[in-house]
Structures are given as C-alpha cells and as structure tokens.
Amino acid sequence: MSSIRRVVIAVFPDVDLLDVTGPAEVFALTNRVTGGTAGYRVELAARARGEVTTSAGLRLVADLSFDEVNGVDGADGAVDTLVVPGAVETGPGGQVARVDGEVVAWVARVTPLARRVVSVCTGAHLLAAAGVLDGRTATTHWSAAAQLAAAHPEVTVDPDPIFVRCGNVWTGAGISSCMDLALALVAEDLGEEVALTVARQLVMYLKRQGGQSQFSVPLSRPPANRRDIDDLRMFIVDHLDGDLSTAALAARMCLSERHFARVFRQQTGTTPGAYVEAARVEAARRLLEGTDQPLEQVAALCGLGSVETLHRALRKRIGTTPAAYRRRFRVTA
C-alpha cells in the first residue's frame, strides 16, 4: 500500500461545511506532522467539477466529478477512504437529514471500490440509503437518529457515541466530533503517537474515543419549564459526592418527596435517582479516561461510594466494567 492514502470527500449543494473541512484539516496536519513521508491526498468530488455552495454560504471547489472518481484500477489510483458528509433541510417537523438520490446512487457505486467508507453527521443517511449500513451498527447526529432508525430498520442505530466502527465502515456524529473521527482514522493508519501529535496541533483538549457520548447528562435533556429544576440539575452535577438522595433534594426544593419526585419526572423525563446515577456514571467515565486514580477514589469522587457500586452502575449504564472501560478509553499524555 502507498504511504500516501487517497481520500475522496463527496460534496454537494448545502453540504455541512465543517463535515468537509474538519476531516480535511486533520489529514492536512497529519501530512505536516509526518513531513510528507506518509499521509493523505484529499480530493473533493461533486456532480461536476467547480464550485459547490455549502450550508454556511461559503463555496468549495470540487476537484473531480463523480464520474471521474475511478476505482481500484482507475487512472487516479485506488480510493483508500471515501468520506460522505451530510446536509439537512427543513421539513414539516423541523430539520431533517437530506437524502439526495444522485449522491446515494454514486455512493452505492463507489463504496465497493474503497478500502474504507466513512460518514460524517447525517451522511449516515446517505450510506443507509445506498445499502452500505445494512446489518451494521451506526451513529449519526443525535437529532437525526430517530429519522435514520425509522427509515432504515435494517440498521442498528446508536444515537449516543461520537463515532462507531463496524468493519470497514465508520459513522460519526458530526459537528466537532468529525475531528475525533478523523483522528481515529489517522491512529489506525499511522499510530496513536501521530494522532496525538495532530490533536495537540489542533489544540484539542484530548483525543476522544468512539464509545464516548455525544453529550453530557445535563445536555441530554431539554431545558425544564421550571428554572428551579434546571438550577437543581446543575447543583447535582456540582455536588456528586454529596447527599443526593431524593429526600435531600426534595428538602432543598422545599417540597415533599412525593411531590418533588413527580415534578422532577414531569420536567426531565426521568426520576431523581436515575438522573443522579447517570451524572455520577458520566463523572466516573471522565475520571477513568483522564486519570490513573484507583477505583476506590473514583467511586468516592463521583459519589458512588464503593467499587462494588461503581461496577454495578457502569455495567447497568454502559455494559462494561471500570477496568475494561479504562483500558479502552484511557487517554495518555
């Protein structure tokens, strides 16, 4: 295999700009880090060569038409990585993923000729429409996950991770997570050291792994109609090692336990106990990813109390043990 990998990114009218430029920037910085000895050649492909207006109103210039993207035996060389970004449009119920039939047909033709296929954000809907995701697990932007699941029941849609790898097909959540996805591709191709060097060049806080959630517990629920419930949610996150029992929280709100539990569920869609546990598990995940603190200390800091409770909560929430999670997602300097 050549040390320079050919990456083809599909572009089309109203494509999300960051879905295209985010991965392209990661690949360009990789070339700089390696001094050009290994890396990527990025090409934009569209219906026709020339300008394409993005969702941001800025214009990109396509290097190739779809028909000019040859496969393994083409004059331009093999397609190592095909990247399919997304686009949205306004439907009766709000923003929905746009599925362009011409793009779908091209994706279906070129996918078998690429070593690796990647979708960014709602680009997963294009892959699904082309049959690429049949029988696979995939993710997309959380706001479009229900649409993807309803339109393609043959796809197992997981709306939580920032990206999912299933064989040679990668799907990403979009927006800023496209950078994490591209860094994961670099790590697979050139190693973790190169990927972490690129992450530092991008001034990214850390290189997140695919199993991490698209959003934190406070952001996973819409704002409550009551300001005092929103304030309480922030209090919970800031005092995870304190007494967050339903009785204590009800007392803080000056409500009876029964009335408080009813109001909290009405406003957040979950019980106080479930919300507290989810927030504590999220804190535990951050500590497992970013520190070498012993499990006893992790459990104490996030309010789970004991290692046994930490084990039980992680198994319940994310289906794994603390040690296994740390082995997979620990971010080293």
Protein backbone atom coordinates (compact mmCIF):
# COMPACT_ATOMS: atom_id res chain seq x y z
CA MET A 1 0.00 0.00 0.00
CA SER A 2 1.21 3.50 -0.84
CA SER A 3 2.31 5.63 2.10
CA ILE A 4 0.09 8.41 0.74
CA ARG A 5 -3.57 7.43 1.02
CA ARG A 6 -6.14 8.85 -1.34
CA VAL A 7 -9.16 10.35 0.42
CA VAL A 8 -12.22 11.33 -1.62
CA ILE A 9 -14.80 13.56 0.08
CA ALA A 10 -18.21 13.93 -1.53
CA VAL A 11 -19.58 17.48 -1.75
CA PHE A 12 -22.98 18.67 -2.91
CA PRO A 13 -25.17 21.78 -2.52
CA ASP A 14 -25.78 22.80 1.10
CA VAL A 15 -23.35 20.20 2.47
CA ASP A 16 -22.36 20.97 6.07
CA LEU A 17 -19.09 22.87 5.78
CA LEU A 18 -17.41 21.52 8.91
CA ASP A 19 -18.22 17.94 7.88
CA VAL A 20 -15.90 18.52 4.92
CA THR A 21 -13.25 20.87 6.26
CA GLY A 22 -12.87 19.23 9.70
CA PRO A 23 -11.55 15.88 8.43
CA ALA A 24 -9.62 17.61 5.63
CA GLU A 25 -7.78 19.76 8.19
CA VAL A 26 -6.89 16.70 10.27
CA PHE A 27 -5.48 14.97 7.20
CA ALA A 28 -3.55 18.11 6.15
CA LEU A 29 -1.99 18.48 9.60
CA THR A 30 -1.06 14.81 9.53
CA ASN A 31 0.90 15.44 6.34
CA ARG A 32 2.69 18.30 8.08
CA VAL A 33 3.48 16.19 11.15
CA THR A 34 4.92 13.36 9.07
CA GLY A 35 6.84 15.71 6.81
CA GLY A 36 5.02 14.32 3.80
CA THR A 37 6.59 10.86 4.13
CA ALA A 38 3.18 9.38 4.96
CA GLY A 39 -0.26 10.84 4.98
CA TYR A 40 -3.14 11.72 2.73
CA ARG A 41 -4.11 13.22 -0.61
CA VAL A 42 -7.56 14.75 -0.24
CA GLU A 43 -9.84 15.32 -3.24
CA LEU A 44 -13.35 16.76 -3.38
CA ALA A 45 -15.83 15.10 -5.73
CA ALA A 46 -19.18 16.54 -6.84
CA ARG A 47 -21.71 16.14 -9.64
CA ALA A 48 -19.43 18.31 -11.75
CA ARG A 49 -16.07 19.98 -11.25
CA GLY A 50 -16.20 23.52 -9.92
CA GLU A 51 -17.86 25.46 -7.15
CA VAL A 52 -20.30 23.99 -4.66
CA THR A 53 -22.10 26.23 -2.16
CA THR A 54 -22.17 24.84 1.38
CA SER A 55 -24.72 25.28 4.16
CA ALA A 56 -22.60 28.14 5.54
CA GLY A 57 -22.81 30.03 2.23
CA LEU A 58 -19.10 29.53 1.59
CA ARG A 59 -18.08 27.82 -1.63
CA LEU A 60 -15.86 24.80 -2.12
CA VAL A 61 -14.24 23.80 -5.40
CA ALA A 62 -14.63 20.18 -6.46
CA ASP A 63 -11.52 18.62 -7.99
CA LEU A 64 -13.43 15.85 -9.74
CA SER A 65 -16.87 14.95 -10.94
CA PHE A 66 -18.47 11.83 -9.51
CA ASP A 67 -17.90 10.09 -12.84
CA GLU A 68 -14.19 10.90 -12.69
CA VAL A 69 -13.63 9.16 -9.36
CA ASN A 70 -12.18 5.90 -10.57
CA GLY A 71 -11.88 2.76 -8.53
CA VAL A 72 -9.02 0.42 -7.87
CA ASP A 73 -7.85 0.36 -11.47
CA GLY A 74 -8.57 3.99 -12.28
CA ALA A 75 -6.04 6.48 -13.52
CA ASP A 76 -6.20 8.42 -10.25
CA GLY A 77 -5.40 5.38 -8.16
CA ALA A 78 -7.37 3.42 -5.62
CA VAL A 79 -9.77 5.18 -3.27
CA ASP A 80 -8.43 4.45 0.19
CA THR A 81 -11.07 6.34 2.18
CA LEU A 82 -14.42 7.59 0.95
CA VAL A 83 -15.89 10.31 3.18
CA VAL A 84 -19.60 11.13 2.90
CA PRO A 85 -20.66 14.27 4.80
CA GLY A 86 -24.23 15.30 5.47
CA ALA A 87 -26.75 18.03 4.82
CA VAL A 88 -30.05 18.99 6.41
CA GLU A 89 -33.21 20.64 5.20
CA THR A 90 -36.34 21.98 6.86
CA GLY A 91 -39.24 19.57 6.96
CA PRO A 92 -42.74 19.84 8.46
CA GLY A 93 -41.39 18.88 11.87
CA GLY A 94 -38.16 20.85 11.71
CA GLN A 95 -34.66 19.99 10.49
CA VAL A 96 -34.24 16.59 8.83
CA ALA A 97 -31.38 14.87 7.02
CA ARG A 98 -31.33 15.47 3.28
CA VAL A 99 -31.08 12.35 1.12
CA ASP A 100 -30.05 13.18 -2.46
CA GLY A 101 -30.81 10.32 -4.85
CA GLU A 102 -27.93 11.12 -7.21
CA VAL A 103 -25.42 11.16 -4.37
CA VAL A 104 -26.87 7.91 -2.99
CA ALA A 105 -26.50 6.19 -6.37
CA TRP A 106 -22.89 7.32 -6.66
CA VAL A 107 -22.09 6.19 -3.11
CA ALA A 108 -23.53 2.76 -3.91
CA ARG A 109 -21.28 2.51 -6.99
CA VAL A 110 -18.02 3.69 -5.44
CA THR A 111 -18.26 2.10 -1.97
CA PRO A 112 -17.19 -1.39 -3.10
CA LEU A 113 -14.05 0.17 -4.62
CA ALA A 114 -12.89 1.90 -1.44
CA ARG A 115 -10.87 0.29 1.34
CA ARG A 116 -12.73 2.27 3.99
CA VAL A 117 -16.02 4.17 3.99
CA VAL A 118 -16.79 6.99 6.42
CA SER A 119 -19.90 9.08 7.01
CA VAL A 120 -19.96 12.31 8.96
CA CYS A 121 -23.07 13.53 10.75
CA THR A 122 -26.19 13.00 8.60
CA GLY A 123 -24.04 11.49 5.87
CA ALA A 124 -25.03 8.21 7.55
CA HIS A 125 -28.45 8.63 5.96
CA LEU A 126 -26.81 8.59 2.51
CA LEU A 127 -24.85 5.44 3.37
CA ALA A 128 -28.01 3.80 4.68
CA ALA A 129 -29.99 4.70 1.57
CA ALA A 130 -27.19 3.18 -0.53
CA GLY A 131 -27.42 -0.07 1.43
CA VAL A 132 -23.96 0.32 2.95
CA LEU A 133 -25.22 0.14 6.55
CA ASP A 134 -27.49 -2.89 6.17
CA GLY A 135 -26.92 -5.23 9.11
CA ARG A 136 -24.47 -2.82 10.76
CA THR A 137 -24.48 -0.63 13.84
CA ALA A 138 -24.16 3.07 13.05
CA THR A 139 -24.49 6.51 14.59
CA THR A 140 -25.40 9.94 13.32
CA HIS A 141 -26.09 13.32 14.84
CA TRP A 142 -28.38 12.73 17.81
CA SER A 143 -31.12 14.96 16.36
CA ALA A 144 -31.37 12.79 13.23
CA ALA A 145 -31.02 9.37 14.86
CA ALA A 146 -34.76 8.71 15.11
CA GLN A 147 -35.18 9.57 11.42
CA LEU A 148 -32.41 7.15 10.48
CA ALA A 149 -33.85 4.34 12.61
CA ALA A 150 -37.38 4.83 11.24
CA ALA A 151 -36.28 4.99 7.60
CA HIS A 152 -33.84 2.08 7.83
CA PRO A 153 -34.93 -0.62 10.30
CA GLU A 154 -32.20 -2.88 8.91
CA VAL A 155 -29.63 -0.58 10.55
CA THR A 156 -28.95 -0.70 14.30
CA VAL A 157 -28.85 2.99 15.20
CA ASP A 158 -26.96 4.00 18.35
CA PRO A 159 -27.52 7.75 18.92
CA ASP A 160 -25.05 8.09 21.79
CA PRO A 161 -21.42 7.50 20.60
CA ILE A 162 -19.41 10.18 18.83
CA PHE A 163 -18.45 7.57 16.24
CA VAL A 164 -18.94 3.87 15.55
CA ARG A 165 -16.74 1.47 13.60
CA CYS A 166 -18.35 -1.61 12.08
CA GLY A 167 -15.89 -3.47 9.86
CA ASN A 168 -14.52 -1.07 7.27
CA VAL A 169 -17.45 1.33 7.70
CA TRP A 170 -17.19 4.23 10.16
CA THR A 171 -20.07 6.55 11.04
CA GLY A 172 -19.68 9.76 13.03
CA ALA A 173 -21.93 12.05 15.00
CA GLY A 174 -20.89 15.17 13.15
CA ILE A 175 -20.15 18.78 14.09
CA SER A 176 -16.94 18.85 16.18
CA SER A 177 -16.86 15.05 16.53
CA CYS A 178 -15.79 14.83 12.89
CA MET A 179 -12.33 15.79 14.15
CA ASP A 180 -12.32 12.91 16.64
CA LEU A 181 -13.40 10.52 13.91
CA ALA A 182 -10.66 11.72 11.55
CA LEU A 183 -8.07 11.40 14.33
CA ALA A 184 -9.20 7.82 14.90
CA LEU A 185 -8.61 7.12 11.20
CA VAL A 186 -5.12 8.61 11.48
CA ALA A 187 -4.42 6.48 14.56
CA GLU A 188 -5.49 3.35 12.67
CA ASP A 189 -3.28 4.22 9.69
CA LEU A 190 -0.21 5.78 11.28
CA GLY A 191 -0.38 5.03 15.00
CA GLU A 192 -1.51 6.72 18.20
CA GLU A 193 1.61 8.88 18.54
CA VAL A 194 1.00 10.61 15.21
CA ALA A 195 -2.70 11.07 16.00
CA LEU A 196 -1.96 12.60 19.41
CA THR A 197 0.62 14.94 17.86
CA VAL A 198 -2.02 16.10 15.38
CA ALA A 199 -4.52 16.55 18.23
CA ARG A 200 -2.05 18.82 20.01
CA GLN A 201 -1.58 20.85 16.82
CA LEU A 202 -5.35 21.28 16.69
CA VAL A 203 -5.32 22.41 20.36
CA MET A 204 -7.92 19.76 21.10
CA TYR A 205 -8.36 19.15 24.81
CA LEU A 206 -7.99 15.43 24.28
CA LYS A 207 -8.48 12.83 21.59
CA ARG A 208 -11.83 11.27 22.38
CA GLN A 209 -12.51 7.64 21.56
CA GLY A 210 -15.58 6.40 19.76
CA GLY A 211 -17.51 4.98 22.70
CA GLN A 212 -17.83 8.33 24.41
CA SER A 213 -21.17 10.08 24.46
CA GLN A 214 -22.20 12.86 22.09
CA PHE A 215 -23.30 14.99 25.03
CA SER A 216 -23.18 15.21 28.80
CA VAL A 217 -26.02 14.33 31.15
CA PRO A 218 -27.21 17.96 31.64
CA LEU A 219 -27.28 18.47 27.87
CA SER A 220 -29.04 15.17 27.20
CA ARG A 221 -32.33 16.56 28.48
CA PRO A 222 -34.13 19.65 27.19
CA PRO A 223 -34.34 22.67 29.49
CA ALA A 224 -37.07 22.37 32.09
CA ASN A 225 -40.02 24.73 32.17
CA ARG A 226 -39.11 25.49 35.78
CA ARG A 227 -35.94 27.43 36.48
CA ASP A 228 -35.58 25.83 39.91
CA ILE A 229 -35.39 22.34 38.35
CA ASP A 230 -32.70 23.47 35.91
CA ASP A 231 -30.78 25.00 38.81
CA LEU A 232 -31.12 21.73 40.73
CA ARG A 233 -29.73 19.77 37.79
CA MET A 234 -26.62 21.95 37.83
CA PHE A 235 -26.39 21.57 41.61
CA ILE A 236 -26.41 17.79 41.21
CA VAL A 237 -23.52 17.86 38.73
CA ASP A 238 -21.50 20.13 41.03
CA HIS A 239 -22.09 18.05 44.20
CA LEU A 240 -21.85 14.44 43.06
CA ASP A 241 -20.02 13.33 46.21
CA GLY A 242 -22.70 14.79 48.47
CA ASP A 243 -26.08 13.56 49.69
CA LEU A 244 -28.23 13.50 46.55
CA SER A 245 -30.96 11.24 47.82
CA THR A 246 -34.50 12.06 46.81
CA ALA A 247 -35.18 13.15 50.39
CA ALA A 248 -32.23 15.56 50.40
CA LEU A 249 -33.09 17.01 47.00
CA ALA A 250 -36.75 17.41 47.97
CA ALA A 251 -35.71 19.22 51.13
CA ARG A 252 -33.52 21.54 49.10
CA MET A 253 -36.54 22.35 46.93
CA CYS A 254 -38.79 22.73 49.98
CA LEU A 255 -41.16 20.10 48.60
CA SER A 256 -42.46 16.80 49.89
CA GLU A 257 -40.60 13.78 48.47
CA ARG A 258 -43.68 12.60 46.57
CA HIS A 259 -44.42 15.98 45.04
CA PHE A 260 -40.75 16.60 44.22
CA ALA A 261 -40.37 13.22 42.50
CA ARG A 262 -43.49 13.89 40.43
CA VAL A 263 -42.35 17.39 39.40
CA PHE A 264 -38.81 16.25 38.61
CA ARG A 265 -40.01 13.42 36.37
CA GLN A 266 -42.51 15.71 34.66
CA GLN A 267 -39.78 18.26 33.91
CA THR A 268 -36.89 15.94 33.00
CA GLY A 269 -38.48 12.70 31.84
CA THR A 270 -36.64 10.64 34.44
CA THR A 271 -36.59 10.02 38.16
CA PRO A 272 -34.27 11.91 40.54
CA GLY A 273 -32.42 8.69 41.36
CA ALA A 274 -31.85 7.77 37.71
CA TYR A 275 -30.66 11.28 36.90
CA VAL A 276 -28.19 11.30 39.79
CA GLU A 277 -26.85 7.87 38.84
CA ALA A 278 -26.38 8.92 35.20
CA ALA A 279 -24.49 12.05 36.27
CA ARG A 280 -22.26 10.03 38.59
CA VAL A 281 -21.50 7.45 35.90
CA GLU A 282 -20.56 10.25 33.50
CA ALA A 283 -18.17 11.68 36.09
CA ALA A 284 -16.71 8.22 36.67
CA ARG A 285 -16.13 7.80 32.94
CA ARG A 286 -14.22 11.09 32.81
CA LEU A 287 -12.03 10.04 35.74
CA LEU A 288 -11.37 6.62 34.19
CA GLU A 289 -10.46 8.25 30.86
CA GLY A 290 -8.27 11.02 32.19
CA THR A 291 -6.65 9.84 35.44
CA ASP A 292 -4.86 6.88 36.99
CA GLN A 293 -6.72 7.23 40.27
CA PRO A 294 -7.59 3.89 41.92
CA LEU A 295 -11.16 2.67 41.57
CA GLU A 296 -11.85 3.32 45.26
CA GLN A 297 -11.04 7.01 44.77
CA VAL A 298 -13.01 7.22 41.51
CA ALA A 299 -16.05 5.77 43.26
CA ALA A 300 -15.71 8.21 46.15
CA LEU A 301 -15.17 11.32 43.99
CA CYS A 302 -18.21 10.70 41.81
CA GLY A 303 -20.44 9.81 44.73
CA LEU A 304 -20.89 6.10 44.00
CA GLY A 305 -19.32 5.24 47.33
CA SER A 306 -17.78 1.82 46.75
CA VAL A 307 -16.04 -0.07 43.98
CA GLU A 308 -18.90 -2.56 44.01
CA THR A 309 -21.43 0.22 43.36
CA LEU A 310 -19.16 1.65 40.64
CA HIS A 311 -19.04 -1.76 38.94
CA ARG A 312 -22.79 -2.18 39.17
CA ALA A 313 -23.56 1.31 37.83
CA LEU A 314 -21.20 1.03 34.84
CA ARG A 315 -22.49 -2.41 33.94
CA LYS A 316 -26.05 -1.11 34.09
CA ARG A 317 -25.41 2.11 32.16
CA ILE A 318 -22.77 1.19 29.57
CA GLY A 319 -22.44 -2.57 29.77
CA THR A 320 -18.83 -2.81 30.86
CA THR A 321 -16.58 -2.81 33.92
CA PRO A 322 -14.47 0.13 35.15
CA ALA A 323 -11.22 -1.68 34.32
CA ALA A 324 -12.35 -2.61 30.81
CA TYR A 325 -13.57 0.94 30.16
CA ARG A 326 -10.26 2.41 31.34
CA ARG A 327 -8.23 0.02 29.15
CA ARG A 328 -10.21 1.04 26.09
CA PHE A 329 -10.61 4.77 26.63
CA ARG A 330 -7.71 5.88 28.81
CA VAL A 331 -6.11 8.95 27.22
CA THR A 332 -2.37 9.15 27.89
CA ALA A 333 -0.18 12.23 27.62
